[in-house]
Amino acid sequence: MVGVSASLIGWFFFVELTSGILQGYYVPLISDLVAHLGIVDADFNWFEAAQLLLSALVVPVLAKLGDMMGHKRMLLIATVLTAGATWWLCFANDFWSFLAAWALQGFYVVWLPLEIALIFERGRTSGQAASDTRRAAGLLVVALEAGAILGALGAGSIFAALSENVTLALMVPAVAVTAVFFVILFKVPESEPLPGRTLDVVGFVLLSLSLLLVTSGLTFLRLNGPETWWVWAIILVGVAAIVPFGRWELRQKDPAIDLRVLRQPTMWPVQLTAGLVGISLLGAQAPLSTYAGTDPVNGYGLGLSASQRSILIGAYLLSMIVGALLFPLVSKRTSPRIALIVAAFLVAGGYLLFLPFHLETWQVFTNMAIAGLGSGALVGAMPAAAAAAAPRGQTGVASALTNTTKTIGGSFASATFGIVLFAGAAGAVTSTASSLGGYLVVWSVCGGGALVAAVLLFFVPKLAFSDEMTADAASATSPVA
């Protein structure tokens, strides 16, 4: 097999740059989209919830199909679906059609896990697959965050230049995603899947049912409040559905999710870390933005304008880029395990520093920069570590599971933070502000979750995710092989 080339990383860099644009482009336009669709601000939460739910359901399936049929093929299918949905958004003029298109756009979430899997599989015979994948993952995260910055900064200018025409403005990301399809089609080589694989349809149905119930329950918890009994019933049924799923999987020769691999000490801490860090990665950004905009007359908050908050968020994204670039260097000088632990402690330290230091802009900036360094390192490191720990034939689904657990962690955080911030709002001076106690809970949960993740990573073997361990396991394959 031909090793990993610089040109392949370059083309994937473009793919992730576009992924970042999709994540950042729409945020400055939310108010205009709300007016365009004739809805209220709160309705926009349904778009985010639907996309997170769909990504949690489809990412493991597409990743498994990538392991079976080729990762490039699944990249193309995911890109076609993303491009179709992005073009649909341009012409969706009502709530329901926009909701469907926005949800289907979530197929782009599988790009990074499939790219990581393809890079790792192509580099297996080089003896440096793990370290090469870590370096590549760091560069892809740089592209992702740079795209988010580019999208967020460019959307407003493009919208104004197009005379605030929503349809024309939404065509810009659609064109970018269409270009991604041709890049993958002509420039990305296919991986070599193992023959004789089968798709465990029953297993994926059981897994999807559990994820559907848990993530939708968490969404309804945020929207309906903790006093709604049927919301808790949905979540409990979803958790209970894991039991029949686990029993079925242990009886399968080629399971949807190989639980025997998942319980290995090189795998389960990584997957749990993804979920715990997902709390801050997906759940803390909105509270941080609202805190920065809160009027200091309340006794807390920074009172920053929208443009000033954008600068603050941009600085956070830049710190994530630095963290992504530093991770492979620290891994080389120490070990991948130590680098993961340090990154998790940085996330924990950044958010726990908010508890005593949150009244000055420089304090918030410093805390976010520290957390951003760790977050940027972990975004690319977790799927790369999962790929390194997985046997051949399971790199795609192992990488994708880090995204699924991260999504579940983010859904939990979004529901919990929405409740605690709303609960104390009545005690604030200004009508739209949340309570300081609510923000302290948010920062404590984010910091505590990352701290637990750092401790769990100590259970990982010392040489895990290194080239030496990967070389020793180079002949290991999925049980079906």
Protein backbone atom coordinates (compact mmCIF):
# COMPACT_ATOMS: atom_id res chain seq x y z
CA MET A 1 0.00 0.00 0.00
CA VAL A 2 1.25 3.45 -0.88
CA GLY A 3 2.03 5.52 2.18
CA VAL A 4 0.46 8.80 3.21
CA SER A 5 1.48 11.63 0.88
CA ALA A 6 1.66 15.36 1.48
CA SER A 7 -0.72 15.94 -1.40
CA LEU A 8 -3.37 13.73 0.22
CA ILE A 9 -3.12 15.76 3.42
CA GLY A 10 -3.37 18.92 1.33
CA TRP A 11 -6.61 17.83 -0.31
CA PHE A 12 -8.05 16.80 3.03
CA PHE A 13 -6.98 20.20 4.35
CA PHE A 14 -9.33 21.76 1.79
CA VAL A 15 -12.13 19.38 2.80
CA GLU A 16 -11.82 20.33 6.48
CA LEU A 17 -11.50 24.02 5.62
CA THR A 18 -14.92 23.68 3.99
CA SER A 19 -16.21 21.79 7.02
CA GLY A 20 -15.14 24.71 9.20
CA ILE A 21 -16.83 27.17 6.85
CA LEU A 22 -20.09 25.23 7.25
CA GLN A 23 -19.76 25.48 11.03
CA GLY A 24 -18.96 29.19 11.12
CA TYR A 25 -20.75 30.71 8.14
CA TYR A 26 -24.34 30.55 9.36
CA VAL A 27 -23.80 31.84 12.91
CA PRO A 28 -23.64 35.60 12.04
CA LEU A 29 -26.67 35.15 9.78
CA ILE A 30 -28.97 33.54 12.35
CA SER A 31 -31.01 36.69 12.97
CA ASP A 32 -31.44 37.23 9.23
CA LEU A 33 -32.39 33.58 8.69
CA VAL A 34 -34.97 33.84 11.47
CA ALA A 35 -36.53 36.85 9.74
CA HIS A 36 -36.31 35.16 6.33
CA LEU A 37 -38.19 32.10 7.59
CA GLY A 38 -40.69 34.07 9.66
CA ILE A 39 -39.87 32.26 12.91
CA VAL A 40 -38.61 33.31 16.35
CA ASP A 41 -35.06 33.00 17.70
CA ALA A 42 -35.90 30.02 19.92
CA ASP A 43 -37.05 28.01 16.90
CA PHE A 44 -33.48 27.97 15.59
CA ASN A 45 -32.58 25.58 18.41
CA TRP A 46 -34.56 22.88 16.59
CA PHE A 47 -32.22 23.11 13.59
CA GLU A 48 -29.15 22.49 15.75
CA ALA A 49 -30.87 19.68 17.66
CA ALA A 50 -31.98 17.93 14.45
CA GLN A 51 -28.49 18.10 12.93
CA LEU A 52 -26.82 16.76 16.08
CA LEU A 53 -29.35 13.94 16.26
CA LEU A 54 -28.87 12.92 12.63
CA SER A 55 -25.08 13.02 12.90
CA ALA A 56 -25.16 10.82 16.01
CA LEU A 57 -27.26 8.25 14.12
CA VAL A 58 -25.54 8.14 10.73
CA VAL A 59 -21.85 8.64 11.53
CA PRO A 60 -21.25 5.12 12.99
CA VAL A 61 -23.11 3.49 10.08
CA LEU A 62 -21.22 5.39 7.37
CA ALA A 63 -17.92 4.78 9.12
CA LYS A 64 -18.61 1.05 9.34
CA LEU A 65 -19.56 0.99 5.65
CA GLY A 66 -16.27 2.80 5.00
CA ASP A 67 -14.38 -0.01 6.75
CA MET A 68 -16.32 -2.53 4.65
CA MET A 69 -16.49 -0.90 1.22
CA GLY A 70 -13.81 1.80 1.19
CA HIS A 71 -13.51 5.10 3.05
CA LYS A 72 -13.33 7.20 -0.12
CA ARG A 73 -16.62 5.78 -1.34
CA MET A 74 -18.37 6.77 1.89
CA LEU A 75 -16.71 10.19 1.79
CA LEU A 76 -18.24 10.74 -1.63
CA ILE A 77 -21.69 9.61 -0.51
CA ALA A 78 -21.56 11.84 2.58
CA THR A 79 -20.42 14.77 0.43
CA VAL A 80 -23.21 14.29 -2.11
CA LEU A 81 -25.77 14.30 0.70
CA THR A 82 -24.16 17.35 2.33
CA ALA A 83 -23.99 19.24 -0.96
CA GLY A 84 -27.61 18.43 -1.80
CA ALA A 85 -28.76 19.61 1.62
CA THR A 86 -26.64 22.79 1.43
CA TRP A 87 -28.15 23.71 -1.94
CA TRP A 88 -31.60 22.91 -0.55
CA LEU A 89 -31.02 25.45 2.24
CA CYS A 90 -30.66 28.16 -0.39
CA PHE A 91 -34.25 27.70 -1.54
CA ALA A 92 -35.92 26.53 1.70
CA ASN A 93 -38.35 29.29 2.62
CA ASP A 94 -40.30 27.71 5.48
CA PHE A 95 -39.50 26.18 8.84
CA TRP A 96 -40.03 22.51 7.97
CA SER A 97 -38.10 22.41 4.71
CA PHE A 98 -35.23 24.37 6.29
CA LEU A 99 -35.28 21.96 9.25
CA ALA A 100 -35.00 18.94 6.94
CA ALA A 101 -32.21 20.49 4.87
CA TRP A 102 -30.28 21.65 7.96
CA ALA A 103 -30.49 18.17 9.49
CA LEU A 104 -29.30 16.44 6.29
CA GLN A 105 -26.38 18.84 6.07
CA GLY A 106 -25.07 17.10 9.19
CA PHE A 107 -23.60 14.32 7.03
CA TYR A 108 -20.44 16.44 6.80
CA VAL A 109 -19.64 15.42 10.39
CA VAL A 110 -18.43 12.03 9.13
CA TRP A 111 -15.73 13.64 6.94
CA LEU A 112 -13.05 13.88 9.65
CA PRO A 113 -13.43 10.30 11.03
CA LEU A 114 -13.32 8.86 7.50
CA GLU A 115 -10.29 10.97 6.61
CA ILE A 116 -8.47 9.85 9.76
CA ALA A 117 -9.30 6.21 9.00
CA LEU A 118 -8.16 6.49 5.39
CA ILE A 119 -4.90 8.20 6.38
CA PHE A 120 -4.19 5.59 9.04
CA GLU A 121 -5.00 2.62 6.79
CA ARG A 122 -2.78 3.92 4.00
CA GLY A 123 0.07 4.40 6.46
CA ARG A 124 -0.10 1.04 8.24
CA THR A 125 2.82 -0.52 6.36
CA SER A 126 5.11 2.48 6.88
CA GLY A 127 5.76 1.73 10.54
CA GLN A 128 4.82 5.32 11.38
CA ALA A 129 1.07 5.20 10.84
CA ALA A 130 0.23 6.46 14.34
CA SER A 131 2.60 9.43 14.36
CA ASP A 132 1.81 10.32 10.73
CA THR A 133 -1.91 10.28 11.53
CA ARG A 134 -1.42 12.49 14.59
CA ARG A 135 0.45 15.07 12.53
CA ALA A 136 -2.15 14.92 9.78
CA ALA A 137 -4.99 15.20 12.30
CA GLY A 138 -3.39 18.31 13.78
CA LEU A 139 -3.23 19.95 10.36
CA LEU A 140 -6.84 18.99 9.63
CA VAL A 141 -7.97 20.61 12.88
CA VAL A 142 -6.06 23.74 11.86
CA ALA A 143 -8.04 23.72 8.61
CA LEU A 144 -11.29 23.12 10.48
CA GLU A 145 -10.82 26.01 12.88
CA ALA A 146 -9.41 28.31 10.17
CA GLY A 147 -12.50 27.55 8.10
CA ALA A 148 -14.74 28.37 11.05
CA ILE A 149 -12.99 31.72 11.48
CA LEU A 150 -13.13 32.41 7.74
CA GLY A 151 -16.82 31.52 7.59
CA ALA A 152 -17.77 33.57 10.63
CA LEU A 153 -15.82 36.63 9.50
CA GLY A 154 -16.80 36.39 5.84
CA ALA A 155 -20.52 35.69 6.14
CA GLY A 156 -21.52 39.18 7.21
CA SER A 157 -19.44 40.87 4.51
CA ILE A 158 -20.73 38.53 1.80
CA PHE A 159 -24.31 39.04 2.97
CA ALA A 160 -23.91 42.81 2.79
CA ALA A 161 -22.16 42.66 -0.60
CA LEU A 162 -25.08 40.63 -1.99
CA SER A 163 -27.58 43.29 -0.88
CA GLU A 164 -28.69 41.06 2.02
CA ASN A 165 -30.13 38.48 -0.36
CA VAL A 166 -30.42 35.32 1.76
CA THR A 167 -30.65 32.91 -1.17
CA LEU A 168 -27.49 34.21 -2.84
CA ALA A 169 -25.58 34.35 0.45
CA LEU A 170 -26.41 30.71 1.21
CA MET A 171 -25.07 29.64 -2.18
CA VAL A 172 -21.49 30.39 -1.10
CA PRO A 173 -21.10 27.36 1.23
CA ALA A 174 -23.06 25.25 -1.29
CA VAL A 175 -20.46 25.99 -3.96
CA ALA A 176 -17.66 25.12 -1.52
CA VAL A 177 -19.20 21.73 -0.65
CA THR A 178 -19.72 20.98 -4.35
CA ALA A 179 -16.01 21.64 -4.93
CA VAL A 180 -15.22 19.18 -2.10
CA PHE A 181 -16.99 16.41 -4.03
CA PHE A 182 -14.73 16.83 -7.06
CA VAL A 183 -11.62 17.08 -4.89
CA ILE A 184 -12.44 13.73 -3.26
CA LEU A 185 -13.49 12.14 -6.55
CA PHE A 186 -10.33 12.98 -8.48
CA LYS A 187 -7.61 13.52 -5.86
CA VAL A 188 -8.26 11.09 -2.98
CA PRO A 189 -7.20 7.43 -3.38
CA GLU A 190 -9.32 4.60 -2.04
CA SER A 191 -8.36 2.55 1.02
CA GLU A 192 -8.16 -1.25 0.94
CA PRO A 193 -11.10 -2.71 2.85
CA LEU A 194 -11.03 -6.25 4.21
CA PRO A 195 -13.03 -8.74 2.14
CA GLY A 196 -15.89 -10.82 3.48
CA ARG A 197 -17.42 -8.15 5.71
CA THR A 198 -21.14 -7.97 6.57
CA LEU A 199 -23.26 -5.13 7.89
CA ASP A 200 -24.87 -5.86 11.23
CA VAL A 201 -28.21 -4.24 10.43
CA VAL A 202 -29.92 -5.38 13.64
CA GLY A 203 -27.05 -4.06 15.73
CA PHE A 204 -27.15 -0.64 14.09
CA VAL A 205 -30.94 -0.47 14.45
CA LEU A 206 -30.64 -1.18 18.19
CA LEU A 207 -27.80 1.35 18.54
CA SER A 208 -29.71 3.98 16.56
CA LEU A 209 -32.80 3.44 18.69
CA SER A 210 -30.80 4.00 21.86
CA LEU A 211 -29.06 7.10 20.48
CA LEU A 212 -32.33 8.46 19.13
CA LEU A 213 -34.05 8.16 22.49
CA VAL A 214 -31.17 9.54 24.55
CA THR A 215 -30.30 12.51 22.34
CA SER A 216 -33.91 13.45 21.61
CA GLY A 217 -34.70 13.10 25.31
CA LEU A 218 -31.89 15.50 26.17
CA THR A 219 -33.20 17.94 23.57
CA PHE A 220 -36.72 17.80 25.03
CA LEU A 221 -35.21 18.20 28.50
CA ARG A 222 -33.69 21.51 27.42
CA LEU A 223 -36.92 22.67 25.77
CA ASN A 224 -39.49 21.40 28.29
CA GLY A 225 -37.58 21.57 31.56
CA PRO A 226 -36.67 18.94 34.17
CA GLU A 227 -40.18 18.85 35.66
CA THR A 228 -41.54 17.06 32.55
CA TRP A 229 -41.70 13.39 33.57
CA TRP A 230 -42.00 11.88 30.10
CA VAL A 231 -38.68 13.45 29.08
CA TRP A 232 -36.90 11.43 31.77
CA ALA A 233 -38.81 8.32 30.67
CA ILE A 234 -37.48 8.73 27.11
CA ILE A 235 -33.90 9.07 28.37
CA LEU A 236 -34.18 6.05 30.67
CA VAL A 237 -35.64 3.86 27.92
CA GLY A 238 -32.77 4.95 25.64
CA VAL A 239 -30.17 4.02 28.26
CA ALA A 240 -31.92 0.68 28.89
CA ALA A 241 -31.84 -0.09 25.15
CA ILE A 242 -28.06 -0.46 25.44
CA VAL A 243 -28.56 -3.82 27.20
CA PRO A 244 -30.19 -5.73 24.29
CA PHE A 245 -27.75 -4.01 21.94
CA GLY A 246 -24.77 -5.27 23.96
CA ARG A 247 -26.11 -8.81 24.18
CA TRP A 248 -26.71 -8.93 20.44
CA GLU A 249 -23.27 -7.54 19.60
CA LEU A 250 -21.42 -10.09 21.72
CA ARG A 251 -23.03 -12.89 19.69
CA GLN A 252 -22.04 -11.48 16.30
CA LYS A 253 -18.96 -12.49 14.30
CA ASP A 254 -18.79 -9.07 12.63
CA PRO A 255 -20.69 -6.75 14.99
CA ALA A 256 -21.73 -3.17 14.32
CA ILE A 257 -19.60 -2.07 17.28
CA ASP A 258 -17.05 -4.59 18.54
CA LEU A 259 -17.52 -4.33 22.29
CA ARG A 260 -14.48 -6.53 22.88
CA VAL A 261 -12.30 -3.93 21.20
CA LEU A 262 -14.19 -1.12 22.92
CA ARG A 263 -13.40 -2.46 26.39
CA GLN A 264 -9.64 -2.58 25.79
CA PRO A 265 -7.59 -0.17 27.95
CA THR A 266 -6.39 1.64 24.82
CA MET A 267 -9.95 2.32 23.65
CA TRP A 268 -12.52 2.93 26.40
CA PRO A 269 -10.68 5.86 28.07
CA VAL A 270 -10.44 7.60 24.68
CA GLN A 271 -14.15 7.16 23.96
CA LEU A 272 -15.13 8.37 27.44
CA THR A 273 -12.75 11.31 27.10
CA ALA A 274 -14.49 12.30 23.86
CA GLY A 275 -17.84 12.36 25.67
CA LEU A 276 -16.54 14.26 28.68
CA VAL A 277 -14.66 16.85 26.63
CA GLY A 278 -17.68 17.16 24.33
CA ILE A 279 -19.41 18.82 27.28
CA SER A 280 -17.23 21.89 26.89
CA LEU A 281 -16.54 21.63 23.14
CA LEU A 282 -20.22 21.63 22.16
CA GLY A 283 -21.98 22.94 25.24
CA ALA A 284 -19.93 25.80 26.69
CA GLN A 285 -19.51 28.18 23.77
CA ALA A 286 -23.01 29.69 23.86
CA PRO A 287 -22.87 30.34 27.66
CA LEU A 288 -19.43 31.93 27.26
CA SER A 289 -20.76 34.20 24.53
CA THR A 290 -23.80 35.26 26.57
CA TYR A 291 -21.63 35.84 29.66
CA ALA A 292 -19.29 38.05 27.67
CA GLY A 293 -22.30 40.09 26.49
CA THR A 294 -23.94 40.40 29.92
CA ASP A 295 -24.14 43.94 31.26
CA PRO A 296 -21.72 44.37 34.22
CA VAL A 297 -24.51 46.20 36.08
CA ASN A 298 -25.50 42.69 37.23
CA GLY A 299 -22.24 42.43 39.16
CA TYR A 300 -20.72 40.06 36.59
CA GLY A 301 -20.36 39.86 32.83
CA LEU A 302 -18.11 41.80 30.46
CA GLY A 303 -20.64 43.89 28.54
CA LEU A 304 -18.92 43.25 25.21
CA SER A 305 -20.57 44.16 21.92
CA ALA A 306 -21.25 41.56 19.22
CA SER A 307 -18.08 42.51 17.33
CA GLN A 308 -16.00 42.33 20.52
CA ARG A 309 -17.48 38.91 21.34
CA SER A 310 -16.52 37.77 17.85
CA ILE A 311 -12.93 38.77 18.54
CA LEU A 312 -13.00 36.83 21.81
CA ILE A 313 -14.34 33.73 20.09
CA GLY A 314 -11.82 34.17 17.30
CA ALA A 315 -9.01 34.22 19.86
CA TYR A 316 -10.37 31.00 21.35
CA LEU A 317 -10.37 29.36 17.91
CA LEU A 318 -6.80 30.54 17.32
CA SER A 319 -5.72 28.92 20.59
CA MET A 320 -7.34 25.69 19.37
CA ILE A 321 -5.22 25.91 16.22
CA VAL A 322 -2.08 26.30 18.33
CA GLY A 323 -3.10 23.32 20.47
CA ALA A 324 -3.69 21.16 17.39
CA LEU A 325 -0.22 22.02 16.04
CA LEU A 326 1.52 21.44 19.36
CA PHE A 327 -0.04 18.04 20.11
CA PRO A 328 2.06 15.93 17.69
CA LEU A 329 5.21 17.75 18.81
CA VAL A 330 4.51 17.06 22.49
CA SER A 331 3.60 13.45 21.62
CA LYS A 332 6.97 13.00 19.90
CA ARG A 333 8.96 14.45 22.82
CA THR A 334 7.03 12.57 25.51
CA SER A 335 4.36 10.06 24.43
CA PRO A 336 0.87 10.24 22.93
CA ARG A 337 -0.62 9.18 26.27
CA ILE A 338 1.14 11.97 28.18
CA ALA A 339 0.13 14.50 25.52
CA LEU A 340 -3.53 13.45 25.84
CA ILE A 341 -3.39 13.76 29.62
CA VAL A 342 -1.80 17.22 29.42
CA ALA A 343 -4.44 18.34 26.91
CA ALA A 344 -7.28 17.17 29.16
CA PHE A 345 -5.74 18.95 32.15
CA LEU A 346 -5.48 22.15 30.11
CA VAL A 347 -9.22 22.00 29.33
CA ALA A 348 -9.97 21.32 33.00
CA GLY A 349 -7.68 24.11 34.20
CA GLY A 350 -9.04 26.65 31.74
CA TYR A 351 -12.65 26.19 32.82
CA LEU A 352 -11.95 25.81 36.55
CA LEU A 353 -10.03 29.10 36.44
CA PHE A 354 -13.34 30.77 35.59
CA LEU A 355 -14.57 30.09 39.12
CA PRO A 356 -12.28 32.66 40.81
CA PHE A 357 -11.34 34.72 37.73
CA HIS A 358 -14.20 35.90 35.52
CA LEU A 359 -14.78 39.62 36.14
CA GLU A 360 -12.16 41.07 33.77
CA THR A 361 -11.86 40.63 30.02
CA TRP A 362 -8.22 39.58 30.23
CA GLN A 363 -9.17 36.88 32.74
CA VAL A 364 -11.84 35.42 30.47
CA PHE A 365 -9.46 35.62 27.52
CA THR A 366 -6.71 33.81 29.43
CA ASN A 367 -9.07 31.07 30.64
CA MET A 368 -10.47 30.50 27.15
CA ALA A 369 -6.96 30.43 25.65
CA ILE A 370 -5.84 27.73 28.11
CA ALA A 371 -8.96 25.65 27.50
CA GLY A 372 -8.61 26.22 23.76
CA LEU A 373 -5.07 24.81 23.71
CA GLY A 374 -6.30 21.55 25.23
CA SER A 375 -9.50 21.43 23.17
CA GLY A 376 -7.65 21.97 19.90
CA ALA A 377 -5.25 19.15 20.73
CA LEU A 378 -8.05 16.75 21.62
CA VAL A 379 -10.30 17.42 18.60
CA GLY A 380 -7.85 15.73 16.26
CA ALA A 381 -6.08 13.53 18.80
CA MET A 382 -9.14 11.54 19.92
CA PRO A 383 -10.14 10.09 16.52
CA ALA A 384 -6.46 9.52 15.68
CA ALA A 385 -5.90 7.69 18.98
CA ALA A 386 -9.01 5.57 18.44
CA ALA A 387 -7.81 4.64 14.95
CA ALA A 388 -4.39 3.66 16.33
CA ALA A 389 -6.01 1.46 18.99
CA ALA A 390 -8.36 -0.30 16.58
CA PRO A 391 -7.52 -3.48 14.62
CA ARG A 392 -7.50 -3.33 10.85
CA GLY A 393 -11.03 -3.22 9.51
CA GLN A 394 -12.36 -1.12 12.40
CA THR A 395 -10.43 2.15 12.16
CA GLY A 396 -13.36 4.04 10.63
CA VAL A 397 -15.99 3.05 13.15
CA ALA A 398 -13.56 3.52 16.06
CA SER A 399 -12.74 7.07 14.93
CA ALA A 400 -16.42 7.81 14.32
CA LEU A 401 -17.43 6.66 17.80
CA THR A 402 -15.39 9.51 19.30
CA ASN A 403 -17.69 11.86 17.40
CA THR A 404 -20.81 10.05 18.61
CA THR A 405 -19.77 10.13 22.26
CA LYS A 406 -18.73 13.79 21.85
CA THR A 407 -22.21 14.54 20.48
CA ILE A 408 -23.88 12.81 23.42
CA GLY A 409 -21.70 14.80 25.82
CA GLY A 410 -22.59 18.01 24.01
CA SER A 411 -26.33 17.17 24.09
CA PHE A 412 -26.12 16.51 27.82
CA ALA A 413 -24.30 19.80 28.35
CA SER A 414 -26.71 21.78 26.18
CA ALA A 415 -29.73 20.44 28.09
CA THR A 416 -28.15 20.90 31.52
CA PHE A 417 -26.71 24.35 30.87
CA GLY A 418 -29.95 25.62 29.37
CA ILE A 419 -31.82 24.61 32.51
CA VAL A 420 -29.36 26.00 35.08
CA LEU A 421 -28.95 29.31 33.26
CA PHE A 422 -32.70 29.79 32.84
CA ALA A 423 -33.44 28.82 36.45
CA GLY A 424 -31.54 31.76 37.91
CA ALA A 425 -32.43 34.37 35.34
CA ALA A 426 -35.16 35.91 37.51
CA GLY A 427 -32.57 37.12 40.00
CA ALA A 428 -30.60 39.16 37.48
CA VAL A 429 -30.86 42.92 37.16
CA THR A 430 -31.26 43.00 33.38
CA SER A 431 -34.15 41.05 31.89
CA THR A 432 -32.11 38.85 29.53
CA ALA A 433 -29.23 37.95 31.87
CA SER A 434 -28.73 34.60 33.56
CA SER A 435 -27.51 34.23 37.12
CA LEU A 436 -23.86 34.10 38.11
CA GLY A 437 -24.61 30.85 39.94
CA GLY A 438 -25.74 29.32 36.67
CA TYR A 439 -22.51 30.29 34.95
CA LEU A 440 -20.48 28.90 37.86
CA VAL A 441 -22.29 25.57 37.43
CA VAL A 442 -21.50 25.58 33.70
CA TRP A 443 -17.79 26.17 34.29
CA SER A 444 -17.67 23.61 37.10
CA VAL A 445 -19.27 20.90 34.95
CA CYS A 446 -16.94 21.65 32.01
CA GLY A 447 -13.85 21.68 34.19
CA GLY A 448 -14.92 18.68 36.25
CA GLY A 449 -15.69 16.61 33.15
CA ALA A 450 -12.29 17.34 31.64
CA LEU A 451 -10.62 16.57 34.98
CA VAL A 452 -12.31 13.16 35.10
CA ALA A 453 -11.18 12.56 31.51
CA ALA A 454 -7.58 13.34 32.43
CA VAL A 455 -7.72 10.85 35.30
CA LEU A 456 -9.23 8.15 33.07
CA LEU A 457 -6.41 8.56 30.57
CA PHE A 458 -3.95 7.42 33.25
CA PHE A 459 -5.46 3.93 32.81
CA VAL A 460 -4.18 3.85 29.22
CA PRO A 461 -1.01 1.73 28.76
CA LYS A 462 2.15 3.83 28.65
CA LEU A 463 3.05 2.99 25.04
CA ALA A 464 -0.50 3.25 23.70
CA PHE A 465 -0.99 4.96 20.30
CA SER A 466 2.76 4.92 19.64
CA ASP A 467 4.33 3.66 16.41
CA GLU A 468 5.92 0.79 18.35
CA MET A 469 2.61 -0.54 19.65
CA THR A 470 0.93 0.00 16.29
CA ALA A 471 3.70 -1.94 14.54
CA ASP A 472 3.32 -4.82 17.00
CA ALA A 473 -0.39 -4.92 16.21
CA ALA A 474 -0.02 -4.38 12.46
CA SER A 475 -1.19 -7.90 11.72
CA ALA A 476 -4.25 -7.61 13.98
CA THR A 477 -7.53 -7.52 12.09
CA SER A 478 -11.22 -7.50 12.70
CA PRO A 479 -12.42 -10.93 14.00
CA VAL A 480 -14.18 -11.62 10.70
CA ALA A 481 -10.83 -11.55 8.88
